[in-house]
Amino acid sequence: MQYIPPIPIGIEFYKTMISEGYYYIDKTLLIRDLLAQKNTVTLFTRPRRF
């Protein structure tokens, strides 16, 4: 059976996520791509009760 790391629900510190083996996705390259597109408007939505 393959190991699946836990999702860091309620974990706010990067150091804790990495040291305790939580699932982590780095989206820094996404920011670079958004800036490179040079759109006039970029819409970021959020959940209702954010």
PDB file of N, CA and C in Angstrom:
ATOM      1  N   MET A   1       0.836  -1.179   0.000  1.00  0.00           N
ATOM      2  CA  MET A   1       0.000   0.000   0.000  1.00  0.00           C
ATOM      3  C   MET A   1       0.885   1.248   0.000  1.00  0.00           C
ATOM      4  N   GLN A   2       0.495   2.237  -0.777  1.00  0.00           N
ATOM      5  CA  GLN A   2       1.276   3.471  -0.918  1.00  0.00           C
ATOM      6  C   GLN A   2       0.958   4.444   0.219  1.00  0.00           C
ATOM      7  N   TYR A   3       2.000   5.093   0.755  1.00  0.00           N
ATOM      8  CA  TYR A   3       1.833   6.077   1.822  1.00  0.00           C
ATOM      9  C   TYR A   3       1.297   7.384   1.255  1.00  0.00           C
ATOM     10  N   ILE A   4       0.243   7.904   1.839  1.00  0.00           N
ATOM     11  CA  ILE A   4      -0.314   9.199   1.447  1.00  0.00           C
ATOM     12  C   ILE A   4      -0.182  10.127   2.648  1.00  0.00           C
ATOM     13  N   PRO A   5       0.569  11.229   2.498  1.00  0.00           N
ATOM     14  CA  PRO A   5       0.752  12.138   3.628  1.00  0.00           C
ATOM     15  C   PRO A   5      -0.562  12.807   4.033  1.00  0.00           C
ATOM     16  N   PRO A   6      -0.712  13.137   5.308  1.00  0.00           N
ATOM     17  CA  PRO A   6      -1.937  13.796   5.774  1.00  0.00           C
ATOM     18  C   PRO A   6      -2.019  15.240   5.266  1.00  0.00           C
ATOM     19  N   ILE A   7      -3.246  15.725   5.110  1.00  0.00           N
ATOM     20  CA  ILE A   7      -3.484  17.108   4.692  1.00  0.00           C
ATOM     21  C   ILE A   7      -3.350  17.996   5.929  1.00  0.00           C
ATOM     22  N   PRO A   8      -2.620  19.122   5.822  1.00  0.00           N
ATOM     23  CA  PRO A   8      -2.358  19.958   7.001  1.00  0.00           C
ATOM     24  C   PRO A   8      -3.519  20.875   7.387  1.00  0.00           C
ATOM     25  N   ILE A   9      -4.644  20.300   7.762  1.00  0.00           N
ATOM     26  CA  ILE A   9      -5.795  21.094   8.192  1.00  0.00           C
ATOM     27  C   ILE A   9      -5.505  21.659   9.582  1.00  0.00           C
ATOM     28  N   GLY A  10      -5.564  22.976   9.710  1.00  0.00           N
ATOM     29  CA  GLY A  10      -5.307  23.638  10.988  1.00  0.00           C
ATOM     30  C   GLY A  10      -3.836  23.866  11.285  1.00  0.00           C
ATOM     31  N   ILE A  11      -2.937  23.434  10.411  1.00  0.00           N
ATOM     32  CA  ILE A  11      -1.501  23.656  10.595  1.00  0.00           C
ATOM     33  C   ILE A  11      -1.129  24.936   9.867  1.00  0.00           C
ATOM     34  N   GLU A  12      -0.600  25.920  10.578  1.00  0.00           N
ATOM     35  CA  GLU A  12      -0.301  27.204   9.938  1.00  0.00           C
ATOM     36  C   GLU A  12       1.187  27.463   9.728  1.00  0.00           C
ATOM     37  N   PHE A  13       2.051  26.641  10.287  1.00  0.00           N
ATOM     38  CA  PHE A  13       3.488  26.885  10.175  1.00  0.00           C
ATOM     39  C   PHE A  13       4.130  25.941   9.163  1.00  0.00           C
ATOM     40  N   TYR A  14       4.877  26.513   8.233  1.00  0.00           N
ATOM     41  CA  TYR A  14       5.558  25.750   7.191  1.00  0.00           C
ATOM     42  C   TYR A  14       6.508  24.723   7.803  1.00  0.00           C
ATOM     43  N   LYS A  15       7.249  25.133   8.816  1.00  0.00           N
ATOM     44  CA  LYS A  15       8.220  24.235   9.452  1.00  0.00           C
ATOM     45  C   LYS A  15       7.527  22.985  10.004  1.00  0.00           C
ATOM     46  N   THR A  16       6.360  23.150  10.595  1.00  0.00           N
ATOM     47  CA  THR A  16       5.606  22.013  11.135  1.00  0.00           C
ATOM     48  C   THR A  16       5.146  21.088  10.013  1.00  0.00           C
ATOM     49  N   MET A  17       4.662  21.676   8.924  1.00  0.00           N
ATOM     50  CA  MET A  17       4.199  20.855   7.801  1.00  0.00           C
ATOM     51  C   MET A  17       5.318  19.986   7.246  1.00  0.00           C
ATOM     52  N   ILE A  18       6.483  20.567   7.072  1.00  0.00           N
ATOM     53  CA  ILE A  18       7.595  19.836   6.483  1.00  0.00           C
ATOM     54  C   ILE A  18       8.180  18.817   7.470  1.00  0.00           C
ATOM     55  N   SER A  19       8.399  19.232   8.702  1.00  0.00           N
ATOM     56  CA  SER A  19       9.040  18.333   9.664  1.00  0.00           C
ATOM     57  C   SER A  19       8.152  17.146  10.056  1.00  0.00           C
ATOM     58  N   GLU A  20       6.831  17.330  10.015  1.00  0.00           N
ATOM     59  CA  GLU A  20       5.927  16.249  10.396  1.00  0.00           C
ATOM     60  C   GLU A  20       5.354  15.504   9.192  1.00  0.00           C
ATOM     61  N   GLY A  21       5.834  15.824   7.993  1.00  0.00           N
ATOM     62  CA  GLY A  21       5.482  15.063   6.800  1.00  0.00           C
ATOM     63  C   GLY A  21       4.088  15.283   6.244  1.00  0.00           C
ATOM     64  N   TYR A  22       3.540  16.486   6.396  1.00  0.00           N
ATOM     65  CA  TYR A  22       2.224  16.775   5.840  1.00  0.00           C
ATOM     66  C   TYR A  22       2.318  17.001   4.334  1.00  0.00           C
ATOM     67  N   TYR A  23       1.179  16.873   3.649  1.00  0.00           N
ATOM     68  CA  TYR A  23       1.078  17.107   2.226  1.00  0.00           C
ATOM     69  C   TYR A  23       1.265  18.598   1.970  1.00  0.00           C
ATOM     70  N   TYR A  24       2.118  18.986   1.029  1.00  0.00           N
ATOM     71  CA  TYR A  24       2.395  20.395   0.752  1.00  0.00           C
ATOM     72  C   TYR A  24       2.559  20.599  -0.746  1.00  0.00           C
ATOM     73  N   ILE A  25       1.923  21.628  -1.289  1.00  0.00           N
ATOM     74  CA  ILE A  25       2.051  21.961  -2.701  1.00  0.00           C
ATOM     75  C   ILE A  25       2.619  23.367  -2.805  1.00  0.00           C
ATOM     76  N   ASP A  26       3.734  23.498  -3.499  1.00  0.00           N
ATOM     77  CA  ASP A  26       4.378  24.795  -3.690  1.00  0.00           C
ATOM     78  C   ASP A  26       3.817  25.448  -4.947  1.00  0.00           C
ATOM     79  N   LYS A  27       3.174  26.616  -4.796  1.00  0.00           N
ATOM     80  CA  LYS A  27       2.547  27.297  -5.930  1.00  0.00           C
ATOM     81  C   LYS A  27       3.290  28.572  -6.329  1.00  0.00           C
ATOM     82  N   THR A  28       4.554  28.684  -5.979  1.00  0.00           N
ATOM     83  CA  THR A  28       5.296  29.896  -6.307  1.00  0.00           C
ATOM     84  C   THR A  28       5.419  30.112  -7.811  1.00  0.00           C
ATOM     85  N   LEU A  29       5.565  29.039  -8.575  1.00  0.00           N
ATOM     86  CA  LEU A  29       5.670  29.192 -10.025  1.00  0.00           C
ATOM     87  C   LEU A  29       4.344  29.646 -10.639  1.00  0.00           C
ATOM     88  N   LEU A  30       3.237  29.361  -9.983  1.00  0.00           N
ATOM     89  CA  LEU A  30       1.942  29.839 -10.447  1.00  0.00           C
ATOM     90  C   LEU A  30       1.897  31.366 -10.396  1.00  0.00           C
ATOM     91  N   ILE A  31       2.442  31.955  -9.339  1.00  0.00           N
ATOM     92  CA  ILE A  31       2.498  33.417  -9.222  1.00  0.00           C
ATOM     93  C   ILE A  31       3.327  33.999 -10.361  1.00  0.00           C
ATOM     94  N   ARG A  32       4.446  33.378 -10.657  1.00  0.00           N
ATOM     95  CA  ARG A  32       5.293  33.850 -11.760  1.00  0.00           C
ATOM     96  C   ARG A  32       4.524  33.815 -13.081  1.00  0.00           C
ATOM     97  N   ASP A  33       3.795  32.742 -13.318  1.00  0.00           N
ATOM     98  CA  ASP A  33       3.030  32.613 -14.551  1.00  0.00           C
ATOM     99  C   ASP A  33       1.913  33.661 -14.635  1.00  0.00           C
ATOM    100  N   LEU A  34       1.244  33.926 -13.520  1.00  0.00           N
ATOM    101  CA  LEU A  34       0.192  34.943 -13.508  1.00  0.00           C
ATOM    102  C   LEU A  34       0.753  36.330 -13.821  1.00  0.00           C
ATOM    103  N   LEU A  35       1.909  36.649 -13.260  1.00  0.00           N
ATOM    104  CA  LEU A  35       2.534  37.949 -13.525  1.00  0.00           C
ATOM    105  C   LEU A  35       3.030  38.054 -14.967  1.00  0.00           C
ATOM    106  N   ALA A  36       3.489  36.950 -15.529  1.00  0.00           N
ATOM    107  CA  ALA A  36       4.002  36.954 -16.901  1.00  0.00           C
ATOM    108  C   ALA A  36       2.884  37.146 -17.926  1.00  0.00           C
ATOM    109  N   GLN A  37       1.651  36.769 -17.592  1.00  0.00           N
ATOM    110  CA  GLN A  37       0.537  36.917 -18.528  1.00  0.00           C
ATOM    111  C   GLN A  37       0.152  38.381 -18.748  1.00  0.00           C
ATOM    112  N   LYS A  38       0.422  39.233 -17.782  1.00  0.00           N
ATOM    113  CA  LYS A  38       0.136  40.677 -17.860  1.00  0.00           C
ATOM    114  C   LYS A  38      -1.323  40.972 -18.225  1.00  0.00           C
ATOM    115  N   ASN A  39      -2.231  40.246 -17.576  1.00  0.00           N
ATOM    116  CA  ASN A  39      -3.659  40.494 -17.772  1.00  0.00           C
ATOM    117  C   ASN A  39      -4.060  41.804 -17.108  1.00  0.00           C
ATOM    118  N   THR A  40      -5.100  42.432 -17.631  1.00  0.00           N
ATOM    119  CA  THR A  40      -5.625  43.648 -17.016  1.00  0.00           C
ATOM    120  C   THR A  40      -6.294  43.328 -15.688  1.00  0.00           C
ATOM    121  N   VAL A  41      -7.034  42.212 -15.658  1.00  0.00           N
ATOM    122  CA  VAL A  41      -7.756  41.813 -14.453  1.00  0.00           C
ATOM    123  C   VAL A  41      -7.523  40.327 -14.203  1.00  0.00           C
ATOM    124  N   THR A  42      -7.263  39.971 -12.950  1.00  0.00           N
ATOM    125  CA  THR A  42      -7.174  38.573 -12.547  1.00  0.00           C
ATOM    126  C   THR A  42      -8.106  38.397 -11.355  1.00  0.00           C
ATOM    127  N   LEU A  43      -9.022  37.451 -11.456  1.00  0.00           N
ATOM    128  CA  LEU A  43     -10.017  37.230 -10.409  1.00  0.00           C
ATOM    129  C   LEU A  43      -9.621  36.040  -9.554  1.00  0.00           C
ATOM    130  N   PHE A  44      -9.521  36.255  -8.253  1.00  0.00           N
ATOM    131  CA  PHE A  44      -9.273  35.188  -7.295  1.00  0.00           C
ATOM    132  C   PHE A  44     -10.537  35.020  -6.464  1.00  0.00           C
ATOM    133  N   THR A  45     -11.126  33.841  -6.519  1.00  0.00           N
ATOM    134  CA  THR A  45     -12.340  33.598  -5.732  1.00  0.00           C
ATOM    135  C   THR A  45     -11.960  32.903  -4.430  1.00  0.00           C
ATOM    136  N   ARG A  46     -12.859  32.939  -3.480  1.00  0.00           N
ATOM    137  CA  ARG A  46     -12.636  32.293  -2.192  1.00  0.00           C
ATOM    138  C   ARG A  46     -13.919  31.623  -1.741  1.00  0.00           C
ATOM    139  N   PRO A  47     -13.829  30.683  -0.816  1.00  0.00           N
ATOM    140  CA  PRO A  47     -15.052  30.067  -0.290  1.00  0.00           C
ATOM    141  C   PRO A  47     -15.913  31.098   0.433  1.00  0.00           C
ATOM    142  N   ARG A  48     -17.194  30.838   0.570  1.00  0.00           N
ATOM    143  CA  ARG A  48     -18.098  31.789   1.217  1.00  0.00           C
ATOM    144  C   ARG A  48     -17.685  32.155   2.635  1.00  0.00           C
ATOM    145  N   ARG A  49     -17.326  31.186   3.418  1.00  0.00           N
ATOM    146  CA  ARG A  49     -17.026  31.445   4.840  1.00  0.00           C
ATOM    147  C   ARG A  49     -15.525  31.436   5.080  1.00  0.00           C
ATOM    148  N   PHE A  50     -14.795  32.164   4.301  1.00  0.00           N
ATOM    149  CA  PHE A  50     -13.347  32.208   4.409  1.00  0.00           C
ATOM    150  C   PHE A  50     -12.939  33.067   5.552  1.00  0.00           C
TER     151      PHE A  50
END
